[in-house]
PDB file of N, CA and C in Angstrom:
ATOM      1  N   MET A   1     147.019-157.153   5.542  1.00  0.00           N
ATOM      2  CA  MET A   1     148.000-157.139   6.604  1.00  0.00           C
ATOM      3  C   MET A   1     147.543-156.236   7.747  1.00  0.00           C
ATOM      4  N   GLU A   2     146.917-155.137   7.414  1.00  0.00           N
ATOM      5  CA  GLU A   2     146.460-154.176   8.430  1.00  0.00           C
ATOM      6  C   GLU A   2     145.522-154.838   9.435  1.00  0.00           C
ATOM      7  N   SER A   3     144.612-155.674   8.935  1.00  0.00           N
ATOM      8  CA  SER A   3     143.657-156.322   9.838  1.00  0.00           C
ATOM      9  C   SER A   3     144.363-157.317  10.768  1.00  0.00           C
ATOM     10  N   LEU A   4     145.378-158.008  10.269  1.00  0.00           N
ATOM     11  CA  LEU A   4     146.128-158.939  11.113  1.00  0.00           C
ATOM     12  C   LEU A   4     146.886-158.190  12.203  1.00  0.00           C
ATOM     13  N   LEU A   5     147.464-157.051  11.876  1.00  0.00           N
ATOM     14  CA  LEU A   5     148.162-156.230  12.872  1.00  0.00           C
ATOM     15  C   LEU A   5     147.184-155.742  13.940  1.00  0.00           C
ATOM     16  N   ASN A   6     146.012-155.294  13.513  1.00  0.00           N
ATOM     17  CA  ASN A   6     145.007-154.815  14.469  1.00  0.00           C
ATOM     18  C   ASN A   6     144.487-155.948  15.356  1.00  0.00           C
ATOM     19  N   ARG A   7     144.320-157.144  14.782  1.00  0.00           N
ATOM     20  CA  ARG A   7     143.865-158.288  15.580  1.00  0.00           C
ATOM     21  C   ARG A   7     144.914-158.700  16.597  1.00  0.00           C
ATOM     22  N   SER A   8     146.182-158.613  16.213  1.00  0.00           N
ATOM     23  CA  SER A   8     147.257-158.929  17.149  1.00  0.00           C
ATOM     24  C   SER A   8     147.195-157.995  18.348  1.00  0.00           C
ATOM     25  N   LYS A   9     146.945-156.725  18.078  1.00  0.00           N
ATOM     26  CA  LYS A   9     146.840-155.745  19.164  1.00  0.00           C
ATOM     27  C   LYS A   9     145.609-156.029  20.033  1.00  0.00           C
ATOM     28  N   GLN A  10     144.476-156.185  19.387  1.00  0.00           N
ATOM     29  CA  GLN A  10     143.216-156.361  20.103  1.00  0.00           C
ATOM     30  C   GLN A  10     143.189-157.658  20.918  1.00  0.00           C
ATOM     31  N   ASP A  11     143.631-158.759  20.318  1.00  0.00           N
ATOM     32  CA  ASP A  11     143.547-160.069  20.965  1.00  0.00           C
ATOM     33  C   ASP A  11     144.827-160.452  21.703  1.00  0.00           C
ATOM     34  N   LYS A  12     145.836-159.562  21.655  1.00  0.00           N
ATOM     35  CA  LYS A  12     147.140-159.837  22.284  1.00  0.00           C
ATOM     36  C   LYS A  12     147.721-161.155  21.782  1.00  0.00           C
ATOM     37  N   ARG A  13     147.659-161.319  20.456  1.00  0.00           N
ATOM     38  CA  ARG A  13     148.143-162.546  19.825  1.00  0.00           C
ATOM     39  C   ARG A  13     149.489-162.332  19.153  1.00  0.00           C
ATOM     40  N   LYS A  14     150.282-163.360  19.204  1.00  0.00           N
ATOM     41  CA  LYS A  14     151.584-163.355  18.550  1.00  0.00           C
ATOM     42  C   LYS A  14     151.387-163.591  17.048  1.00  0.00           C
ATOM     43  N   ILE A  15     152.106-162.830  16.234  1.00  0.00           N
ATOM     44  CA  ILE A  15     152.114-163.032  14.795  1.00  0.00           C
ATOM     45  C   ILE A  15     153.574-163.095  14.342  1.00  0.00           C
ATOM     46  N   ASP A  16     153.784-163.576  13.142  1.00  0.00           N
ATOM     47  CA  ASP A  16     155.122-163.601  12.552  1.00  0.00           C
ATOM     48  C   ASP A  16     155.162-162.602  11.409  1.00  0.00           C
ATOM     49  N   VAL A  17     156.285-161.918  11.286  1.00  0.00           N
ATOM     50  CA  VAL A  17     156.468-160.962  10.191  1.00  0.00           C
ATOM     51  C   VAL A  17     157.812-161.211   9.522  1.00  0.00           C
ATOM     52  N   ILE A  18     157.861-160.919   8.249  1.00  0.00           N
ATOM     53  CA  ILE A  18     159.111-160.847   7.519  1.00  0.00           C
ATOM     54  C   ILE A  18     159.412-159.360   7.441  1.00  0.00           C
ATOM     55  N   TYR A  19     160.591-158.965   7.935  1.00  0.00           N
ATOM     56  CA  TYR A  19     160.894-157.548   8.114  1.00  0.00           C
ATOM     57  C   TYR A  19     162.217-157.180   7.455  1.00  0.00           C
ATOM     58  N   LEU A  20     162.229-156.036   6.793  1.00  0.00           N
ATOM     59  CA  LEU A  20     163.425-155.481   6.177  1.00  0.00           C
ATOM     60  C   LEU A  20     163.977-154.407   7.104  1.00  0.00           C
ATOM     61  N   SER A  21     165.156-154.663   7.698  1.00  0.00           N
ATOM     62  CA  SER A  21     165.735-153.706   8.648  1.00  0.00           C
ATOM     63  C   SER A  21     166.331-152.504   7.911  1.00  0.00           C
ATOM     64  N   HIS A  22     166.679-151.489   8.676  1.00  0.00           N
ATOM     65  CA  HIS A  22     167.267-150.281   8.078  1.00  0.00           C
ATOM     66  C   HIS A  22     168.627-150.560   7.445  1.00  0.00           C
ATOM     67  N   THR A  23     169.245-151.688   7.791  1.00  0.00           N
ATOM     68  CA  THR A  23     170.532-152.062   7.197  1.00  0.00           C
ATOM     69  C   THR A  23     170.364-152.955   5.968  1.00  0.00           C
ATOM     70  N   GLY A  24     169.106-153.274   5.623  1.00  0.00           N
ATOM     71  CA  GLY A  24     168.830-154.101   4.456  1.00  0.00           C
ATOM     72  C   GLY A  24     168.754-155.585   4.745  1.00  0.00           C
ATOM     73  N   GLU A  25     168.838-155.962   6.014  1.00  0.00           N
ATOM     74  CA  GLU A  25     168.748-157.367   6.391  1.00  0.00           C
ATOM     75  C   GLU A  25     167.277-157.782   6.467  1.00  0.00           C
ATOM     76  N   ILE A  26     166.980-158.942   5.912  1.00  0.00           N
ATOM     77  CA  ILE A  26     165.615-159.475   5.966  1.00  0.00           C
ATOM     78  C   ILE A  26     165.581-160.542   7.050  1.00  0.00           C
ATOM     79  N   THR A  27     164.648-160.370   8.009  1.00  0.00           N
ATOM     80  CA  THR A  27     164.526-161.322   9.107  1.00  0.00           C
ATOM     81  C   THR A  27     163.065-161.718   9.292  1.00  0.00           C
ATOM     82  N   GLN A  28     162.877-162.862   9.922  1.00  0.00           N
ATOM     83  CA  GLN A  28     161.541-163.279  10.343  1.00  0.00           C
ATOM     84  C   GLN A  28     161.498-163.113  11.844  1.00  0.00           C
ATOM     85  N   ARG A  29     160.472-162.433  12.334  1.00  0.00           N
ATOM     86  CA  ARG A  29     160.341-162.169  13.769  1.00  0.00           C
ATOM     87  C   ARG A  29     158.945-162.519  14.251  1.00  0.00           C
ATOM     88  N   SER A  30     158.869-162.926  15.495  1.00  0.00           N
ATOM     89  CA  SER A  30     157.581-163.144  16.154  1.00  0.00           C
ATOM     90  C   SER A  30     157.332-161.922  17.024  1.00  0.00           C
ATOM     91  N   ILE A  31     156.167-161.297  16.831  1.00  0.00           N
ATOM     92  CA  ILE A  31     155.843-160.072  17.561  1.00  0.00           C
ATOM     93  C   ILE A  31     154.423-160.129  18.090  1.00  0.00           C
ATOM     94  N   ARG A  32     154.130-159.248  19.050  1.00  0.00           N
ATOM     95  CA  ARG A  32     152.761-158.999  19.510  1.00  0.00           C
ATOM     96  C   ARG A  32     152.587-157.494  19.469  1.00  0.00           C
ATOM     97  N   VAL A  33     151.646-157.035  18.665  1.00  0.00           N
ATOM     98  CA  VAL A  33     151.443-155.602  18.472  1.00  0.00           C
ATOM     99  C   VAL A  33     150.907-154.967  19.750  1.00  0.00           C
ATOM    100  N   VAL A  34     151.551-153.885  20.169  1.00  0.00           N
ATOM    101  CA  VAL A  34     151.138-153.127  21.342  1.00  0.00           C
ATOM    102  C   VAL A  34     150.339-151.905  20.910  1.00  0.00           C
ATOM    103  N   ASP A  35     150.794-151.252  19.821  1.00  0.00           N
ATOM    104  CA  ASP A  35     150.123-150.045  19.342  1.00  0.00           C
ATOM    105  C   ASP A  35     150.425-149.837  17.873  1.00  0.00           C
ATOM    106  N   VAL A  36     149.494-149.202  17.185  1.00  0.00           N
ATOM    107  CA  VAL A  36     149.675-148.806  15.791  1.00  0.00           C
ATOM    108  C   VAL A  36     149.665-147.288  15.782  1.00  0.00           C
ATOM    109  N   ARG A  37     150.769-146.690  15.315  1.00  0.00           N
ATOM    110  CA  ARG A  37     150.919-145.234  15.320  1.00  0.00           C
ATOM    111  C   ARG A  37     151.281-144.753  13.923  1.00  0.00           C
ATOM    112  N   GLY A  38     150.266-144.460  13.132  1.00  0.00           N
ATOM    113  CA  GLY A  38     150.524-143.981  11.775  1.00  0.00           C
ATOM    114  C   GLY A  38     151.286-145.000  10.952  1.00  0.00           C
ATOM    115  N   HIS A  39     152.517-144.646  10.588  1.00  0.00           N
ATOM    116  CA  HIS A  39     153.347-145.516   9.754  1.00  0.00           C
ATOM    117  C   HIS A  39     154.215-146.465  10.571  1.00  0.00           C
ATOM    118  N   TYR A  40     153.985-146.517  11.872  1.00  0.00           N
ATOM    119  CA  TYR A  40     154.807-147.337  12.751  1.00  0.00           C
ATOM    120  C   TYR A  40     153.973-148.324  13.556  1.00  0.00           C
ATOM    121  N   ILE A  41     154.597-149.449  13.882  1.00  0.00           N
ATOM    122  CA  ILE A  41     154.002-150.462  14.736  1.00  0.00           C
ATOM    123  C   ILE A  41     154.887-150.567  15.974  1.00  0.00           C
ATOM    124  N   VAL A  42     154.306-150.434  17.146  1.00  0.00           N
ATOM    125  CA  VAL A  42     155.028-150.681  18.393  1.00  0.00           C
ATOM    126  C   VAL A  42     154.634-152.089  18.812  1.00  0.00           C
ATOM    127  N   ALA A  43     155.631-152.950  19.002  1.00  0.00           N
ATOM    128  CA  ALA A  43     155.331-154.350  19.281  1.00  0.00           C
ATOM    129  C   ALA A  43     156.390-154.959  20.186  1.00  0.00           C
ATOM    130  N   PHE A  44     155.951-155.955  20.955  1.00  0.00           N
ATOM    131  CA  PHE A  44     156.895-156.745  21.718  1.00  0.00           C
ATOM    132  C   PHE A  44     157.510-157.747  20.757  1.00  0.00           C
ATOM    133  N   CYS A  45     158.832-157.729  20.631  1.00  0.00           N
ATOM    134  CA  CYS A  45     159.549-158.648  19.757  1.00  0.00           C
ATOM    135  C   CYS A  45     160.039-159.822  20.609  1.00  0.00           C
ATOM    136  N   TYR A  46     159.537-161.010  20.318  1.00  0.00           N
ATOM    137  CA  TYR A  46     159.926-162.192  21.082  1.00  0.00           C
ATOM    138  C   TYR A  46     161.370-162.598  20.809  1.00  0.00           C
ATOM    139  N   ASP A  47     161.911-162.209  19.661  1.00  0.00           N
ATOM    140  CA  ASP A  47     163.300-162.537  19.338  1.00  0.00           C
ATOM    141  C   ASP A  47     164.277-161.690  20.147  1.00  0.00           C
ATOM    142  N   ARG A  48     163.957-160.421  20.336  1.00  0.00           N
ATOM    143  CA  ARG A  48     164.824-159.507  21.080  1.00  0.00           C
ATOM    144  C   ARG A  48     164.413-159.380  22.548  1.00  0.00           C
ATOM    145  N   GLN A  49     163.220-159.921  22.882  1.00  0.00           N
ATOM    146  CA  GLN A  49     162.673-159.848  24.243  1.00  0.00           C
ATOM    147  C   GLN A  49     162.571-158.403  24.726  1.00  0.00           C
ATOM    148  N   HIS A  50     162.047-157.549  23.837  1.00  0.00           N
ATOM    149  CA  HIS A  50     161.964-156.122  24.135  1.00  0.00           C
ATOM    150  C   HIS A  50     160.909-155.484  23.240  1.00  0.00           C
ATOM    151  N   VAL A  51     160.335-154.389  23.691  1.00  0.00           N
ATOM    152  CA  VAL A  51     159.403-153.630  22.852  1.00  0.00           C
ATOM    153  C   VAL A  51     160.216-152.883  21.808  1.00  0.00           C
ATOM    154  N   ARG A  52     159.806-153.020  20.551  1.00  0.00           N
ATOM    155  CA  ARG A  52     160.512-152.400  19.434  1.00  0.00           C
ATOM    156  C   ARG A  52     159.518-151.633  18.574  1.00  0.00           C
ATOM    157  N   THR A  53     160.048-150.726  17.768  1.00  0.00           N
ATOM    158  CA  THR A  53     159.228-149.978  16.821  1.00  0.00           C
ATOM    159  C   THR A  53     159.597-150.421  15.415  1.00  0.00           C
ATOM    160  N   PHE A  54     158.577-150.762  14.639  1.00  0.00           N
ATOM    161  CA  PHE A  54     158.775-151.241  13.268  1.00  0.00           C
ATOM    162  C   PHE A  54     158.070-150.298  12.297  1.00  0.00           C
ATOM    163  N   ARG A  55     158.705-150.031  11.174  1.00  0.00           N
ATOM    164  CA  ARG A  55     158.057-149.253  10.115  1.00  0.00           C
ATOM    165  C   ARG A  55     157.116-150.180   9.350  1.00  0.00           C
ATOM    166  N   LYS A  56     155.876-149.747   9.162  1.00  0.00           N
ATOM    167  CA  LYS A  56     154.914-150.565   8.424  1.00  0.00           C
ATOM    168  C   LYS A  56     155.419-150.891   7.025  1.00  0.00           C
ATOM    169  N   GLU A  57     156.022-149.905   6.377  1.00  0.00           N
ATOM    170  CA  GLU A  57     156.480-150.097   4.994  1.00  0.00           C
ATOM    171  C   GLU A  57     157.587-151.140   4.892  1.00  0.00           C
ATOM    172  N   ASN A  58     158.254-151.453   6.009  1.00  0.00           N
ATOM    173  CA  ASN A  58     159.323-152.449   5.998  1.00  0.00           C
ATOM    174  C   ASN A  58     158.845-153.844   6.380  1.00  0.00           C
ATOM    175  N   ILE A  59     157.564-153.967   6.723  1.00  0.00           N
ATOM    176  CA  ILE A  59     156.999-155.291   6.981  1.00  0.00           C
ATOM    177  C   ILE A  59     156.609-155.862   5.623  1.00  0.00           C
ATOM    178  N   LEU A  60     157.371-156.841   5.164  1.00  0.00           N
ATOM    179  CA  LEU A  60     157.164-157.407   3.831  1.00  0.00           C
ATOM    180  C   LEU A  60     156.008-158.400   3.809  1.00  0.00           C
ATOM    181  N   SER A  61     155.779-159.059   4.956  1.00  0.00           N
ATOM    182  CA  SER A  61     154.709-160.047   5.060  1.00  0.00           C
ATOM    183  C   SER A  61     154.356-160.228   6.533  1.00  0.00           C
ATOM    184  N   ALA A  62     153.104-160.537   6.797  1.00  0.00           N
ATOM    185  CA  ALA A  62     152.649-160.820   8.162  1.00  0.00           C
ATOM    186  C   ALA A  62     151.682-161.995   8.090  1.00  0.00           C
ATOM    187  N   PHE A  63     151.804-162.902   9.055  1.00  0.00           N
ATOM    188  CA  PHE A  63     150.950-164.080   9.054  1.00  0.00           C
ATOM    189  C   PHE A  63     150.792-164.597  10.479  1.00  0.00           C
ATOM    190  N   PRO A  64     149.737-165.382  10.741  1.00  0.00           N
ATOM    191  CA  PRO A  64     149.530-165.911  12.088  1.00  0.00           C
ATOM    192  C   PRO A  64     150.737-166.718  12.540  1.00  0.00           C
ATOM    193  N   HIS A  65     151.043-166.647  13.815  1.00  0.00           N
ATOM    194  CA  HIS A  65     152.199-167.352  14.370  1.00  0.00           C
ATOM    195  C   HIS A  65     152.004-168.853  14.292  1.00  0.00           C
ATOM    196  N   THR A  66     153.060-169.528  13.905  1.00  0.00           N
ATOM    197  CA  THR A  66     153.078-170.986  13.930  1.00  0.00           C
ATOM    198  C   THR A  66     154.265-171.418  14.767  1.00  0.00           C
ATOM    199  N   SER A  67     154.192-172.598  15.319  1.00  0.00           N
ATOM    200  CA  SER A  67     155.294-173.067  16.162  1.00  0.00           C
ATOM    201  C   SER A  67     156.511-173.438  15.323  1.00  0.00           C
ATOM    202  N   LYS A  68     156.292-173.822  14.061  1.00  0.00           N
ATOM    203  CA  LYS A  68     157.413-174.123  13.173  1.00  0.00           C
ATOM    204  C   LYS A  68     157.972-172.796  12.674  1.00  0.00           C
ATOM    205  N   ARG A  69     159.286-172.722  12.602  1.00  0.00           N
ATOM    206  CA  ARG A  69     159.889-171.448  12.269  1.00  0.00           C
ATOM    207  C   ARG A  69     161.199-171.632  11.537  1.00  0.00           C
ATOM    208  N   ARG A  70     161.455-170.781  10.571  1.00  0.00           N
ATOM    209  CA  ARG A  70     162.734-170.789   9.867  1.00  0.00           C
ATOM    210  C   ARG A  70     163.780-170.100  10.718  1.00  0.00           C
ATOM    211  N   ASP A  71     165.023-170.156  10.265  1.00  0.00           N
ATOM    212  CA  ASP A  71     166.088-169.421  10.923  1.00  0.00           C
ATOM    213  C   ASP A  71     165.760-167.940  10.884  1.00  0.00           C
ATOM    214  N   LYS A  72     166.406-167.151  11.758  1.00  0.00           N
ATOM    215  CA  LYS A  72     166.149-165.714  11.819  1.00  0.00           C
ATOM    216  C   LYS A  72     166.435-165.036  10.500  1.00  0.00           C
ATOM    217  N   GLY A  73     167.501-165.388   9.823  1.00  0.00           N
ATOM    218  CA  GLY A  73     167.797-164.821   8.502  1.00  0.00           C
ATOM    219  C   GLY A  73     166.960-165.539   7.456  1.00  0.00           C
ATOM    220  N   VAL A  74     166.359-164.802   6.557  1.00  0.00           N
ATOM    221  CA  VAL A  74     165.506-165.399   5.532  1.00  0.00           C
ATOM    222  C   VAL A  74     166.193-165.220   4.200  1.00  0.00           C
ATOM    223  N   SER A  75     166.277-166.278   3.416  1.00  0.00           N
ATOM    224  CA  SER A  75     166.943-166.186   2.110  1.00  0.00           C
ATOM    225  C   SER A  75     165.990-165.659   1.065  1.00  0.00           C
TER     226      SER A  75
END
C-alpha cells in the first residue's frame, strides 16, 4: 500500500481507498495524495472536493482508481 500512496503523490494519480473514519464509518473514497507525513496522508478527496488528512492506520485498502465505483458506504 505504501508504494501505491507514494506513486499517487509522485505521478499525481487518483487512487481509491477504503477508509475507517473516526466515527467507525467505512467509506470508499477517491483521493490524490499530496503529501505523506509520518502516520498521516494529506490528500485531495474527490468526494469532499477538499484537501483532507487521513490516518494511514485507518486506510483499510488502497487500489488504483477505476471508473466503476460502489456507493460511498461500504458494507
